[in-house]
Amino acid sequence: MRRSPQAIGFLTARQRKLAWLGFMLVACQAPVAAKVLPDASWLFSIVVALTVATVIMADDSMRRRPAAE
C-alpha cells in the first residue's frame, strides 16, 4: 500500500523550532511578570503566546493535510 505524500507547512523546520522556543519562553515569562509587575502589562505576553501557538497549530494542520495531486 502506497502512502500519499504529506503537504508541507508554511514554516520551515528552523522556523518551527524557533516558534516553539518563543512560545515556551513567553509562556514561562508571563506568570513571573504577573507576580513582579504592579500593572496588567503582563497580559501582552499571554496574547503573544496565544498568537504564536495559533501559528504553530495552523502549520501543524497544514502538514497533516494530504498533498494535492
Protein backbone atom coordinates (compact mmCIF):
# COMPACT_ATOMS: atom_id res chain seq x y z
CA MET A 1 0.00 0.00 0.00
CA ARG A 2 1.42 3.32 -1.05
CA ARG A 3 1.17 6.29 1.29
CA SER A 4 0.19 9.64 -0.11
CA PRO A 5 2.82 12.38 0.22
CA GLN A 6 2.29 14.85 3.04
CA ALA A 7 1.76 18.52 2.37
CA ILE A 8 4.43 20.91 3.53
CA GLY A 9 3.53 23.55 6.09
CA PHE A 10 4.31 27.23 5.65
CA LEU A 11 7.03 27.18 8.35
CA THR A 12 10.45 25.70 7.73
CA ALA A 13 11.87 23.27 10.28
CA ARG A 14 14.06 26.01 11.74
CA GLN A 15 11.17 28.50 11.96
CA ARG A 16 9.05 25.84 13.64
CA LYS A 17 11.72 25.19 16.29
CA LEU A 18 12.11 28.92 16.91
CA ALA A 19 8.33 29.32 17.19
CA TRP A 20 8.21 26.56 19.82
CA LEU A 21 11.13 28.12 21.69
CA GLY A 22 9.47 31.55 21.59
CA PHE A 23 6.17 30.11 22.77
CA MET A 24 7.79 28.32 25.71
CA LEU A 25 9.81 31.38 26.74
CA VAL A 26 6.83 33.73 26.64
CA ALA A 27 4.52 31.22 28.33
CA CYS A 28 7.00 30.83 31.19
CA GLN A 29 7.70 34.56 31.43
CA ALA A 30 4.04 35.63 31.77
CA PRO A 31 3.37 34.22 35.26
CA VAL A 32 6.66 35.62 36.53
CA ALA A 33 5.82 39.05 35.14
CA ALA A 34 2.36 38.85 36.71
CA LYS A 35 3.94 38.42 40.14
CA VAL A 36 6.55 41.16 39.66
CA LEU A 37 4.69 43.90 37.78
CA PRO A 38 2.07 46.01 39.52
CA ASP A 39 0.07 46.70 36.35
CA ALA A 40 -1.56 44.37 33.82
CA SER A 41 1.09 44.75 31.10
CA TRP A 42 1.93 41.05 31.52
CA LEU A 43 -1.27 40.28 29.60
CA PHE A 44 0.59 41.24 26.42
CA SER A 45 2.81 38.17 26.97
CA ILE A 46 -0.30 35.99 27.05
CA VAL A 47 -1.53 37.49 23.77
CA VAL A 48 1.85 36.89 22.11
CA ALA A 49 1.96 33.30 23.37
CA LEU A 50 -1.55 32.63 22.04
CA THR A 51 -0.66 34.15 18.67
CA VAL A 52 2.47 32.01 18.33
CA ALA A 53 0.51 28.92 19.41
CA THR A 54 -2.10 29.65 16.73
CA VAL A 55 0.60 29.86 14.06
CA ILE A 56 2.12 26.55 15.23
CA MET A 57 -1.29 24.84 15.18
CA ALA A 58 -2.08 26.21 11.71
CA ASP A 59 1.25 24.93 10.40
CA ASP A 60 0.67 21.55 12.03
CA SER A 61 -2.79 21.34 10.50
CA MET A 62 -1.38 22.17 7.07
CA ARG A 63 1.33 19.50 7.42
CA ARG A 64 -1.20 16.79 8.30
CA ARG A 65 -3.39 17.53 5.28
CA PRO A 66 -2.77 15.20 2.30
CA ALA A 67 -0.93 16.84 -0.57
CA ALA A 68 -2.97 17.81 -3.62
CA GLU A 69 -2.12 15.76 -6.66
